[in-house]
Amino acid sequence: MKRCLILLVEDDPVARFVVQKQLAQLGYACETVASGEKALERYSNDLALIFMDVGLPGIDGIMTTKIIRQREQQESLERVPVIALTAHSNRNECLNSGMDEHLQKPATLVTSDNMNCRLATLSTVPQQFPGG
């Protein structure tokens, strides 16, 4: 079964709206949650990709990613790529937590050919989503 859904984990409603709209313009299906706790509840292996805000209230994006990676390992699940969306955290901290890539906010996905190339290199993200 091909995974086609992107999970956006972002607590700021404006940023969540903007990124969701940008992903829609690129033809990607997106579901959103506003916390690390909700991301862990929603996490499943049907996700193609997770965009993770690092500065989340409660369980932050770094810890959420570590828990996801532990779950994948313990349950022998296929790895879901996680891309950090952050205004403050450094790239190495994000990558060391198990994230696959790092985008500095404000991220402009629609106009970023570089980001489109990065998305295309992640093996689980389809080049074309159904209906997209």
C-alpha atoms as a PDB file:
ATOM      1  CA  MET A   1       0.000   0.000   0.000  1.00  0.00           C
ATOM      2  CA  LYS A   2       1.435   3.359  -1.053  1.00  0.00           C
ATOM      3  CA  ARG A   3       1.576   5.947   1.706  1.00  0.00           C
ATOM      4  CA  CYS A   4       0.149   9.281   0.552  1.00  0.00           C
ATOM      5  CA  LEU A   5      -0.593  11.407   3.610  1.00  0.00           C
ATOM      6  CA  ILE A   6       1.611  14.072   5.206  1.00  0.00           C
ATOM      7  CA  LEU A   7       1.154  14.830   8.895  1.00  0.00           C
ATOM      8  CA  LEU A   8       1.846  18.437   9.887  1.00  0.00           C
ATOM      9  CA  VAL A   9       2.568  18.904  13.599  1.00  0.00           C
ATOM     10  CA  GLU A  10       2.377  22.639  14.367  1.00  0.00           C
ATOM     11  CA  ASP A  11       0.933  24.451  17.383  1.00  0.00           C
ATOM     12  CA  ASP A  12       0.650  27.901  15.784  1.00  0.00           C
ATOM     13  CA  PRO A  13      -2.689  28.071  13.920  1.00  0.00           C
ATOM     14  CA  VAL A  14      -1.461  30.630  11.380  1.00  0.00           C
ATOM     15  CA  ALA A  15       1.701  28.667  10.559  1.00  0.00           C
ATOM     16  CA  ARG A  16      -0.366  25.464  10.400  1.00  0.00           C
ATOM     17  CA  PHE A  17      -2.777  27.088   7.919  1.00  0.00           C
ATOM     18  CA  VAL A  18       0.025  28.499   5.736  1.00  0.00           C
ATOM     19  CA  VAL A  19       1.995  25.244   5.511  1.00  0.00           C
ATOM     20  CA  GLN A  20      -1.152  23.198   4.882  1.00  0.00           C
ATOM     21  CA  LYS A  21      -2.092  25.546   2.004  1.00  0.00           C
ATOM     22  CA  GLN A  22       1.435  25.387   0.584  1.00  0.00           C
ATOM     23  CA  LEU A  23       1.364  21.587   0.653  1.00  0.00           C
ATOM     24  CA  ALA A  24      -2.049  21.584  -1.042  1.00  0.00           C
ATOM     25  CA  GLN A  25      -0.661  23.849  -3.796  1.00  0.00           C
ATOM     26  CA  LEU A  26       2.092  21.280  -4.339  1.00  0.00           C
ATOM     27  CA  GLY A  27      -0.551  18.556  -4.601  1.00  0.00           C
ATOM     28  CA  TYR A  28       0.050  16.857  -1.243  1.00  0.00           C
ATOM     29  CA  ALA A  29      -2.687  15.576   1.062  1.00  0.00           C
ATOM     30  CA  CYS A  30      -2.116  16.857   4.599  1.00  0.00           C
ATOM     31  CA  GLU A  31      -3.570  16.207   8.037  1.00  0.00           C
ATOM     32  CA  THR A  32      -2.718  18.496  10.959  1.00  0.00           C
ATOM     33  CA  VAL A  33      -2.328  18.188  14.720  1.00  0.00           C
ATOM     34  CA  ALA A  34      -1.266  20.868  17.199  1.00  0.00           C
ATOM     35  CA  SER A  35       0.880  18.978  19.728  1.00  0.00           C
ATOM     36  CA  GLY A  36       3.450  16.248  20.174  1.00  0.00           C
ATOM     37  CA  GLU A  37       0.930  14.248  22.188  1.00  0.00           C
ATOM     38  CA  LYS A  38      -1.605  14.416  19.331  1.00  0.00           C
ATOM     39  CA  ALA A  39       1.115  13.488  16.841  1.00  0.00           C
ATOM     40  CA  LEU A  40       1.908  10.353  18.854  1.00  0.00           C
ATOM     41  CA  GLU A  41      -1.793   9.469  18.959  1.00  0.00           C
ATOM     42  CA  ARG A  42      -2.119   9.989  15.195  1.00  0.00           C
ATOM     43  CA  TYR A  43       1.179   8.381  14.209  1.00  0.00           C
ATOM     44  CA  SER A  44       0.776   5.280  12.088  1.00  0.00           C
ATOM     45  CA  ASN A  45       2.661   3.681   9.272  1.00  0.00           C
ATOM     46  CA  ASP A  46       0.178   5.035   6.687  1.00  0.00           C
ATOM     47  CA  LEU A  47       1.968   8.403   6.778  1.00  0.00           C
ATOM     48  CA  ALA A  48       4.315   9.298   3.922  1.00  0.00           C
ATOM     49  CA  LEU A  49       6.006  12.139   5.814  1.00  0.00           C
ATOM     50  CA  ILE A  50       5.802  14.191   9.002  1.00  0.00           C
ATOM     51  CA  PHE A  51       6.561  17.914   9.185  1.00  0.00           C
ATOM     52  CA  MET A  52       7.368  18.506  12.862  1.00  0.00           C
ATOM     53  CA  ASP A  53       7.520  21.845  14.636  1.00  0.00           C
ATOM     54  CA  VAL A  54      10.300  21.632  17.200  1.00  0.00           C
ATOM     55  CA  GLY A  55       9.002  24.195  19.724  1.00  0.00           C
ATOM     56  CA  LEU A  56       5.762  22.479  20.679  1.00  0.00           C
ATOM     57  CA  PRO A  57       4.168  22.893  24.122  1.00  0.00           C
ATOM     58  CA  GLY A  58       4.211  19.749  26.257  1.00  0.00           C
ATOM     59  CA  ILE A  59       6.185  17.075  24.433  1.00  0.00           C
ATOM     60  CA  ASP A  60       8.370  19.035  22.015  1.00  0.00           C
ATOM     61  CA  GLY A  61       9.178  17.973  18.465  1.00  0.00           C
ATOM     62  CA  ILE A  62      12.589  16.552  19.392  1.00  0.00           C
ATOM     63  CA  MET A  63      11.123  14.200  22.016  1.00  0.00           C
ATOM     64  CA  THR A  64       8.131  13.347  19.817  1.00  0.00           C
ATOM     65  CA  THR A  65      10.509  12.268  17.046  1.00  0.00           C
ATOM     66  CA  LYS A  66      12.589  10.180  19.459  1.00  0.00           C
ATOM     67  CA  ILE A  67       9.429   8.393  20.658  1.00  0.00           C
ATOM     68  CA  ILE A  68       8.330   7.777  17.054  1.00  0.00           C
ATOM     69  CA  ARG A  69      11.758   6.310  16.222  1.00  0.00           C
ATOM     70  CA  GLN A  70      11.626   4.067  19.305  1.00  0.00           C
ATOM     71  CA  ARG A  71       8.146   2.862  18.328  1.00  0.00           C
ATOM     72  CA  GLU A  72       9.278   2.126  14.774  1.00  0.00           C
ATOM     73  CA  GLN A  73      12.205   0.105  16.068  1.00  0.00           C
ATOM     74  CA  GLN A  74      10.258  -1.779  18.754  1.00  0.00           C
ATOM     75  CA  GLU A  75       7.367  -2.633  16.415  1.00  0.00           C
ATOM     76  CA  SER A  76       9.561  -3.209  13.302  1.00  0.00           C
ATOM     77  CA  LEU A  77       7.696  -0.493  11.402  1.00  0.00           C
ATOM     78  CA  GLU A  78       8.934   1.139   8.215  1.00  0.00           C
ATOM     79  CA  ARG A  79      10.575   4.477   8.995  1.00  0.00           C
ATOM     80  CA  VAL A  80       8.425   7.548   8.290  1.00  0.00           C
ATOM     81  CA  PRO A  81      10.566  10.559   7.309  1.00  0.00           C
ATOM     82  CA  VAL A  82      10.348  13.496   9.737  1.00  0.00           C
ATOM     83  CA  ILE A  83      11.285  17.008   8.627  1.00  0.00           C
ATOM     84  CA  ALA A  84      11.817  19.667  11.283  1.00  0.00           C
ATOM     85  CA  LEU A  85      10.072  23.022  10.882  1.00  0.00           C
ATOM     86  CA  THR A  86      11.708  25.363  13.353  1.00  0.00           C
ATOM     87  CA  ALA A  87      12.627  28.967  13.980  1.00  0.00           C
ATOM     88  CA  HIS A  88      15.125  28.291  16.760  1.00  0.00           C
ATOM     89  CA  SER A  89      16.588  24.776  16.896  1.00  0.00           C
ATOM     90  CA  ASN A  90      19.803  23.944  15.143  1.00  0.00           C
ATOM     91  CA  ARG A  91      20.084  21.403  12.364  1.00  0.00           C
ATOM     92  CA  ASN A  92      22.369  18.996  14.259  1.00  0.00           C
ATOM     93  CA  GLU A  93      20.013  18.816  17.240  1.00  0.00           C
ATOM     94  CA  CYS A  94      17.145  17.928  14.915  1.00  0.00           C
ATOM     95  CA  LEU A  95      19.090  15.334  12.935  1.00  0.00           C
ATOM     96  CA  ASN A  96      20.486  13.767  16.111  1.00  0.00           C
ATOM     97  CA  SER A  97      16.937  13.251  17.401  1.00  0.00           C
ATOM     98  CA  GLY A  98      16.106  11.096  14.380  1.00  0.00           C
ATOM     99  CA  MET A  99      14.704  13.748  12.063  1.00  0.00           C
ATOM    100  CA  ASP A 100      15.625  13.375   8.407  1.00  0.00           C
ATOM    101  CA  GLU A 101      15.776  17.013   7.359  1.00  0.00           C
ATOM    102  CA  HIS A 102      15.579  20.533   8.780  1.00  0.00           C
ATOM    103  CA  LEU A 103      13.707  23.577   7.465  1.00  0.00           C
ATOM    104  CA  GLN A 104      14.157  26.976   9.039  1.00  0.00           C
ATOM    105  CA  LYS A 105      10.939  28.980   9.588  1.00  0.00           C
ATOM    106  CA  PRO A 106       9.463  30.783   7.902  1.00  0.00           C
ATOM    107  CA  ALA A 107       9.530  27.992   5.314  1.00  0.00           C
ATOM    108  CA  THR A 108       8.185  28.674   1.867  1.00  0.00           C
ATOM    109  CA  LEU A 109       7.572  25.235   0.440  1.00  0.00           C
ATOM    110  CA  VAL A 110       5.778  26.310  -2.714  1.00  0.00           C
ATOM    111  CA  THR A 111       8.610  28.445  -4.079  1.00  0.00           C
ATOM    112  CA  SER A 112      11.432  26.243  -2.876  1.00  0.00           C
ATOM    113  CA  ASP A 113      12.740  24.062  -5.709  1.00  0.00           C
ATOM    114  CA  ASN A 114      15.348  22.860  -3.240  1.00  0.00           C
ATOM    115  CA  MET A 115      12.624  21.576  -0.891  1.00  0.00           C
ATOM    116  CA  ASN A 116      10.786  19.892  -3.757  1.00  0.00           C
ATOM    117  CA  CYS A 117      14.010  18.082  -4.628  1.00  0.00           C
ATOM    118  CA  ARG A 118      14.466  17.041  -0.987  1.00  0.00           C
ATOM    119  CA  LEU A 119      10.900  15.720  -0.822  1.00  0.00           C
ATOM    120  CA  ALA A 120      11.443  13.781  -4.035  1.00  0.00           C
ATOM    121  CA  THR A 121      14.494  12.021  -2.577  1.00  0.00           C
ATOM    122  CA  LEU A 122      12.572  10.603   0.394  1.00  0.00           C
ATOM    123  CA  SER A 123      11.578   7.159  -0.801  1.00  0.00           C
ATOM    124  CA  THR A 124       8.159   7.013   0.872  1.00  0.00           C
ATOM    125  CA  VAL A 125       6.844  10.292  -0.531  1.00  0.00           C
ATOM    126  CA  PRO A 126       5.076   9.656  -3.841  1.00  0.00           C
ATOM    127  CA  GLN A 127       5.878  11.985  -6.719  1.00  0.00           C
ATOM    128  CA  GLN A 128       2.179  12.405  -7.428  1.00  0.00           C
ATOM    129  CA  PHE A 129      -0.631  11.984  -4.932  1.00  0.00           C
ATOM    130  CA  PRO A 130      -3.993  10.629  -6.027  1.00  0.00           C
ATOM    131  CA  GLY A 131      -6.192  13.550  -7.027  1.00  0.00           C
ATOM    132  CA  GLY A 132      -3.212  15.908  -6.891  1.00  0.00           C
END
